[in-house]
C-alpha atoms as a PDB file:
ATOM      1  CA  MET A   1       7.565  60.502 130.530  1.00  0.00           C
ATOM      2  CA  LYS A   2       5.627  59.447 133.618  1.00  0.00           C
ATOM      3  CA  ILE A   3       5.020  62.009 136.351  1.00  0.00           C
ATOM      4  CA  ASN A   4       4.719  61.234 140.039  1.00  0.00           C
ATOM      5  CA  ILE A   5       1.814  61.899 142.369  1.00  0.00           C
ATOM      6  CA  ILE A   6       3.349  65.120 143.726  1.00  0.00           C
ATOM      7  CA  GLU A   7       3.558  66.619 140.234  1.00  0.00           C
ATOM      8  CA  ALA A   8       0.053  65.367 139.440  1.00  0.00           C
ATOM      9  CA  LYS A   9      -1.353  66.923 142.609  1.00  0.00           C
ATOM     10  CA  PHE A  10       0.246  70.241 141.682  1.00  0.00           C
ATOM     11  CA  LEU A  11      -1.512  70.110 138.285  1.00  0.00           C
ATOM     12  CA  ALA A  12      -4.846  69.251 139.910  1.00  0.00           C
ATOM     13  CA  GLU A  13      -4.491  72.113 142.416  1.00  0.00           C
ATOM     14  CA  LYS A  14      -3.618  74.501 139.603  1.00  0.00           C
ATOM     15  CA  TYR A  15      -6.721  73.423 137.686  1.00  0.00           C
ATOM     16  CA  ILE A  16      -8.956  73.844 140.732  1.00  0.00           C
ATOM     17  CA  ASN A  17      -7.565  77.297 141.522  1.00  0.00           C
ATOM     18  CA  GLU A  18      -7.811  78.574 137.947  1.00  0.00           C
ATOM     19  CA  GLU A  19     -10.946  76.896 136.591  1.00  0.00           C
ATOM     20  CA  ILE A  20     -13.419  76.257 139.414  1.00  0.00           C
ATOM     21  CA  ASP A  21     -15.027  79.071 141.359  1.00  0.00           C
ATOM     22  CA  PRO A  22     -15.386  78.284 145.051  1.00  0.00           C
ATOM     23  CA  PRO A  23     -18.326  79.407 147.168  1.00  0.00           C
ATOM     24  CA  GLU A  24     -18.113  82.950 148.487  1.00  0.00           C
ATOM     25  CA  ASN A  25     -15.533  83.461 151.265  1.00  0.00           C
ATOM     26  CA  ASP A  26     -14.107  79.969 150.813  1.00  0.00           C
ATOM     27  CA  ARG A  27     -11.643  78.013 148.709  1.00  0.00           C
ATOM     28  CA  TYR A  28     -11.171  74.439 147.614  1.00  0.00           C
ATOM     29  CA  MET A  29      -8.535  71.976 148.661  1.00  0.00           C
ATOM     30  CA  ILE A  30      -7.720  68.414 147.666  1.00  0.00           C
ATOM     31  CA  VAL A  31      -8.756  65.725 150.122  1.00  0.00           C
ATOM     32  CA  ASP A  32      -5.493  63.782 150.395  1.00  0.00           C
ATOM     33  CA  ALA A  33      -7.031  60.796 152.168  1.00  0.00           C
ATOM     34  CA  ALA A  34      -9.393  60.230 149.237  1.00  0.00           C
ATOM     35  CA  ILE A  35      -6.901  60.446 146.330  1.00  0.00           C
ATOM     36  CA  ARG A  36      -7.354  57.396 144.137  1.00  0.00           C
ATOM     37  CA  GLU A  37      -4.881  55.882 141.692  1.00  0.00           C
ATOM     38  CA  ALA A  38      -6.237  54.232 138.539  1.00  0.00           C
ATOM     39  CA  ASP A  39      -4.725  52.487 135.525  1.00  0.00           C
ATOM     40  CA  GLU A  40      -4.075  55.762 133.663  1.00  0.00           C
ATOM     41  CA  GLY A  41      -3.428  58.267 136.473  1.00  0.00           C
ATOM     42  CA  TRP A  42      -4.886  59.763 139.633  1.00  0.00           C
ATOM     43  CA  TYR A  43      -8.227  61.145 140.761  1.00  0.00           C
ATOM     44  CA  PHE A  44      -7.986  64.117 143.106  1.00  0.00           C
ATOM     45  CA  PRO A  45     -11.217  64.794 145.023  1.00  0.00           C
ATOM     46  CA  TYR A  46     -11.669  68.268 146.420  1.00  0.00           C
ATOM     47  CA  GLN A  47     -13.913  69.989 148.910  1.00  0.00           C
ATOM     48  CA  THR A  48     -14.266  73.398 150.522  1.00  0.00           C
ATOM     49  CA  VAL A  49     -11.846  74.298 153.297  1.00  0.00           C
ATOM     50  CA  ARG A  50     -14.747  75.349 155.521  1.00  0.00           C
ATOM     51  CA  PHE A  51     -16.313  71.900 155.247  1.00  0.00           C
ATOM     52  CA  ILE A  52     -13.034  70.070 155.858  1.00  0.00           C
ATOM     53  CA  GLU A  53     -12.341  72.154 158.957  1.00  0.00           C
ATOM     54  CA  SER A  54     -15.866  72.171 160.418  1.00  0.00           C
ATOM     55  CA  ARG A  55     -17.509  69.013 158.985  1.00  0.00           C
ATOM     56  CA  ASP A  56     -20.647  71.155 158.769  1.00  0.00           C
ATOM     57  CA  ILE A  57     -22.638  69.813 155.803  1.00  0.00           C
ATOM     58  CA  GLU A  58     -23.827  73.373 155.092  1.00  0.00           C
ATOM     59  CA  TYR A  59     -20.354  74.116 153.691  1.00  0.00           C
ATOM     60  CA  SER A  60     -20.043  70.931 151.655  1.00  0.00           C
ATOM     61  CA  VAL A  61     -20.034  70.925 147.862  1.00  0.00           C
ATOM     62  CA  LEU A  62     -21.946  67.969 146.442  1.00  0.00           C
ATOM     63  CA  GLY A  63     -21.845  66.401 143.006  1.00  0.00           C
ATOM     64  CA  ASN A  64     -18.363  67.557 142.121  1.00  0.00           C
ATOM     65  CA  TRP A  65     -16.263  64.995 140.274  1.00  0.00           C
ATOM     66  CA  PRO A  66     -12.583  64.649 141.150  1.00  0.00           C
ATOM     67  CA  ILE A  67      -9.890  66.163 138.964  1.00  0.00           C
ATOM     68  CA  PHE A  68      -8.163  63.520 136.832  1.00  0.00           C
ATOM     69  CA  VAL A  69      -4.465  63.797 135.964  1.00  0.00           C
ATOM     70  CA  SER A  70      -2.850  61.195 133.724  1.00  0.00           C
ATOM     71  CA  TYR A  71       0.560  59.615 134.250  1.00  0.00           C
ATOM     72  CA  GLN A  72       1.705  61.663 131.244  1.00  0.00           C
ATOM     73  CA  GLY A  73       0.910  64.923 133.058  1.00  0.00           C
ATOM     74  CA  VAL A  74      -2.297  65.817 131.253  1.00  0.00           C
ATOM     75  CA  CYS A  75      -4.930  67.367 133.518  1.00  0.00           C
ATOM     76  CA  PHE A  76      -8.326  66.414 132.153  1.00  0.00           C
ATOM     77  CA  GLY A  77     -10.249  68.330 134.803  1.00  0.00           C
ATOM     78  CA  PRO A  78     -13.376  66.894 136.413  1.00  0.00           C
ATOM     79  CA  ARG A  79     -13.873  63.293 135.460  1.00  0.00           C
ATOM     80  CA  ARG A  80     -16.043  60.515 136.751  1.00  0.00           C
ATOM     81  CA  PRO A  81     -13.952  57.688 138.188  1.00  0.00           C
ATOM     82  CA  GLY A  82     -14.432  54.384 136.594  1.00  0.00           C
END
């Protein structure tokens, strides 16, 4: 059964909220404009809310790979696109 992007985004958000600790006094959110579809599923990049709202590089998280969710609904967690 193939899931849609809305279901996949829910799985990616769940993974981020349960498995990745955000910086103190912040939280992560998916960057919708940067979601990428691949042959097997979607890549959901995420960033801190403080960075997204302020664009202040001090609040940016660097080196984090997007969360990959397959069309079958399996969330693989951070995965390098490619």
